[in-house]
Protein backbone atom coordinates (compact mmCIF):
# COMPACT_ATOMS: atom_id res chain seq x y z
CA MET A 1 226.82 97.42 72.35
CA SER A 2 229.18 99.91 70.73
CA SER A 3 231.63 97.12 69.81
CA LEU A 4 228.77 95.21 68.17
CA LEU A 5 227.79 98.30 66.22
CA SER A 6 231.32 98.94 64.97
CA LYS A 7 231.63 95.31 63.88
CA SER A 8 228.31 95.52 62.07
CA PHE A 9 229.64 98.40 59.99
CA ASP A 10 232.55 96.18 58.97
CA ALA A 11 230.06 93.54 57.82
CA GLY A 12 228.00 96.19 56.05
CA ASP A 13 231.03 97.47 54.14
CA SER A 14 231.21 94.22 52.23
CA ILE A 15 227.61 94.31 50.97
CA ARG A 16 228.69 95.31 47.45
CA ARG A 17 230.83 92.18 47.10
CA ARG A 18 229.84 88.78 45.75
CA PRO A 19 227.82 86.27 47.80
CA PHE A 20 229.81 83.77 49.84
CA LYS A 21 230.59 80.45 48.18
CA LEU A 22 228.16 77.66 48.96
CA VAL A 23 227.10 74.44 47.29
CA ARG A 24 223.36 74.02 47.00
CA PRO A 25 222.21 70.70 48.49
CA LYS A 26 220.24 68.06 46.64
CA ARG A 27 216.56 69.01 46.57
CA GLN A 28 214.44 67.40 49.30
CA SER A 29 210.70 67.17 49.94
CA HIS A 30 210.89 70.26 52.15
CA LEU A 31 212.63 73.57 51.65
CA GLN A 32 216.14 73.63 53.10
CA PHE A 33 217.62 76.59 54.93
CA TYR A 34 221.25 77.54 55.44
CA GLY A 35 221.86 79.21 58.73
CA TYR A 36 222.61 79.18 62.42
CA ALA A 37 220.74 77.12 65.00
CA VAL A 38 220.01 79.18 68.10
CA SER A 39 218.00 78.37 71.17
CA ARG A 40 215.27 80.60 72.52
CA GLU A 41 217.37 80.97 75.67
CA TRP A 42 220.34 82.18 73.60
CA LEU A 43 218.18 84.81 71.91
CA ILE A 44 216.82 86.02 75.25
CA GLN A 45 220.31 86.22 76.72
CA PHE A 46 221.51 88.11 73.63
CA ALA A 47 218.71 90.66 74.07
CA GLU A 48 219.47 91.04 77.76
CA GLN A 49 223.16 91.67 77.02
CA ASN A 50 222.74 93.98 74.02
CA TRP A 51 219.35 95.71 74.24
CA PRO A 52 218.84 98.68 76.58
CA ALA A 53 217.42 97.17 79.79
CA ASP A 54 214.87 99.95 80.18
CA GLU A 55 213.42 99.04 76.77
CA LEU A 56 212.72 95.41 77.69
CA PRO A 57 209.57 94.60 79.66
CA ASP A 58 209.76 93.46 83.26
CA ARG A 59 211.34 89.98 83.47
CA ASN A 60 208.14 88.65 85.11
CA ALA A 61 205.88 89.91 82.33
CA LYS A 62 203.92 87.18 80.57
CA ASP A 63 205.31 88.10 77.12
CA TYR A 64 208.88 88.87 78.25
CA GLU A 65 210.51 85.91 76.49
CA ASP A 66 208.65 86.53 73.21
CA ILE A 67 209.58 90.22 73.20
CA ALA A 68 213.22 89.58 74.16
CA ALA A 69 213.65 86.87 71.48
CA THR A 70 212.06 89.11 68.83
CA ARG A 71 214.24 92.08 69.77
CA ALA A 72 217.36 89.88 69.67
CA TYR A 73 216.46 88.68 66.17
CA LYS A 74 215.84 92.24 64.97
CA LEU A 75 219.11 93.44 66.46
CA ILE A 76 221.05 90.61 64.81
CA ALA A 77 219.40 91.39 61.46
CA ASP A 78 220.32 95.07 61.82
CA LEU A 79 223.89 94.40 62.96
CA SER A 80 224.60 91.87 60.21
CA SER A 81 222.96 93.90 57.42
CA ILE A 82 221.55 90.63 56.04
CA CYS A 83 218.28 91.70 54.44
CA SER A 84 217.16 88.12 53.88
CA LEU A 85 217.75 86.95 57.47
CA GLY A 86 214.79 84.92 58.66
CA ARG A 87 213.70 82.79 61.59
CA LYS A 88 212.74 79.28 60.51
CA THR A 89 211.64 76.21 62.42
CA CYS A 90 213.63 73.25 61.15
CA PHE A 91 213.93 69.56 61.96
CA ASN A 92 216.81 68.77 64.31
CA PRO A 93 217.52 65.03 64.06
CA LYS A 94 220.18 63.47 66.23
CA GLY A 95 222.84 61.88 64.07
CA GLY A 96 222.03 63.06 60.59
CA SER A 97 219.05 62.71 58.33
CA VAL A 98 215.42 63.46 59.12
CA PRO A 99 213.39 60.27 59.63
CA PRO A 100 210.62 60.05 56.98
CA TYR A 101 207.95 59.51 59.66
CA TRP A 102 208.81 62.90 61.20
CA ILE A 103 207.92 64.57 57.93
CA ALA A 104 204.68 62.62 57.58
CA VAL A 105 203.57 63.28 61.17
CA TYR A 106 204.56 66.95 61.06
CA ASP A 107 202.67 67.41 57.78
CA GLY A 108 199.65 65.50 59.13
CA ASP A 109 200.09 62.90 56.39
CA TYR A 110 200.58 59.89 58.65
CA ASP A 111 199.11 56.42 58.52
CA ASP A 112 195.56 56.29 59.91
CA GLU A 113 196.59 53.18 61.83
CA LEU A 114 198.44 55.33 64.36
CA ASP A 115 196.31 56.03 67.39
CA ASP A 116 196.50 59.19 69.49
CA GLU A 117 198.78 57.59 72.06
CA GLU A 118 201.27 56.48 69.41
CA LEU A 119 201.23 59.97 67.88
CA MET A 120 201.88 61.54 71.29
CA ASN A 121 204.93 59.29 71.77
CA ILE A 122 206.59 60.39 68.54
CA GLN A 123 209.22 62.91 69.50
CA ILE A 124 210.04 65.37 66.70
CA ASP A 125 212.98 67.57 67.59
CA THR A 126 213.02 71.03 66.04
CA VAL A 127 215.30 74.03 66.27
CA VAL A 128 215.06 77.73 65.44
CA VAL A 129 217.43 78.63 62.62
CA LEU A 130 218.53 82.15 61.73
CA SER A 131 218.41 81.51 58.01
CA VAL A 132 220.59 83.46 55.57
CA CYS A 133 219.25 81.71 52.45
CA SER A 134 217.33 78.67 51.26
CA ASP A 135 217.81 76.20 48.45
CA GLU A 136 215.26 78.06 46.31
CA GLU A 137 216.85 79.70 43.27
CA ASP A 138 216.16 83.37 44.16
CA SER A 139 217.09 83.02 47.81
CA PHE A 140 220.23 81.06 47.04
CA GLU A 141 221.42 83.63 44.49
CA GLU A 142 220.86 86.51 46.94
CA ARG A 143 222.85 84.99 49.79
CA PRO A 144 225.03 87.24 51.98
CA THR A 145 228.67 88.14 51.47
CA GLN A 146 231.56 86.32 53.11
CA GLY A 147 232.09 89.30 55.42
CA GLN A 148 228.49 89.12 56.63
CA MET A 149 228.82 85.38 57.21
CA ASP A 150 232.08 85.85 59.14
CA PHE A 151 230.36 88.46 61.31
CA MET A 152 227.39 86.15 61.99
CA THR A 153 229.64 83.19 62.82
CA LYS A 154 231.65 85.27 65.29
CA LEU A 155 228.51 86.80 66.80
CA ILE A 156 226.71 83.49 67.27
CA GLY A 157 229.76 81.44 68.18
CA HIS A 158 229.41 78.59 65.70
CA GLY A 159 229.15 78.05 61.98
CA PRO A 160 226.08 77.66 59.80
CA GLN A 161 224.79 74.49 58.14
CA TRP A 162 221.93 73.25 55.97
CA TRP A 163 218.68 72.42 57.79
CA MET A 164 215.45 70.89 56.49
CA GLY A 165 212.51 73.17 57.16
CA CYS A 166 209.41 71.78 58.83
CA ARG A 167 207.00 73.01 56.18
CA SER A 168 206.75 71.60 52.70
CA THR A 169 206.88 74.42 50.17
CA TYR A 170 207.68 72.63 46.92
């Protein structure tokens, strides 16, 4: 944990610098988030490796996974010094763009001709994203510094990308 803390201070030192360079994507029907996809399992493992074991509930506790994932997120936010860091549920299509029917079904705006069985067979893949900014003007302008992004990329083990959020906010 001490090495994580010392690295977080390095990321925090660059707070006064300009935001990292990023091109805002073309506006979509849903808000888009720039960030890091992480699995629930990754968050739990991160908490188990970096949070004091005596401060996590018993592994068999009903709410263990929720508490561990929440503590991991809070620790990452603290270590990175990214004030705007958020957890967002985003579409996770295989091979590129989000199919339009995913958006309609997720929003409950689907064709009435679909019966319950057809709806149950539609598989909508989602992912949790640790979001550093969105494509909204204020969020985009307040994005983190390059140092903070470098820290996050090293911490998480892969780079960020744009993701389409599952909720329409425009």
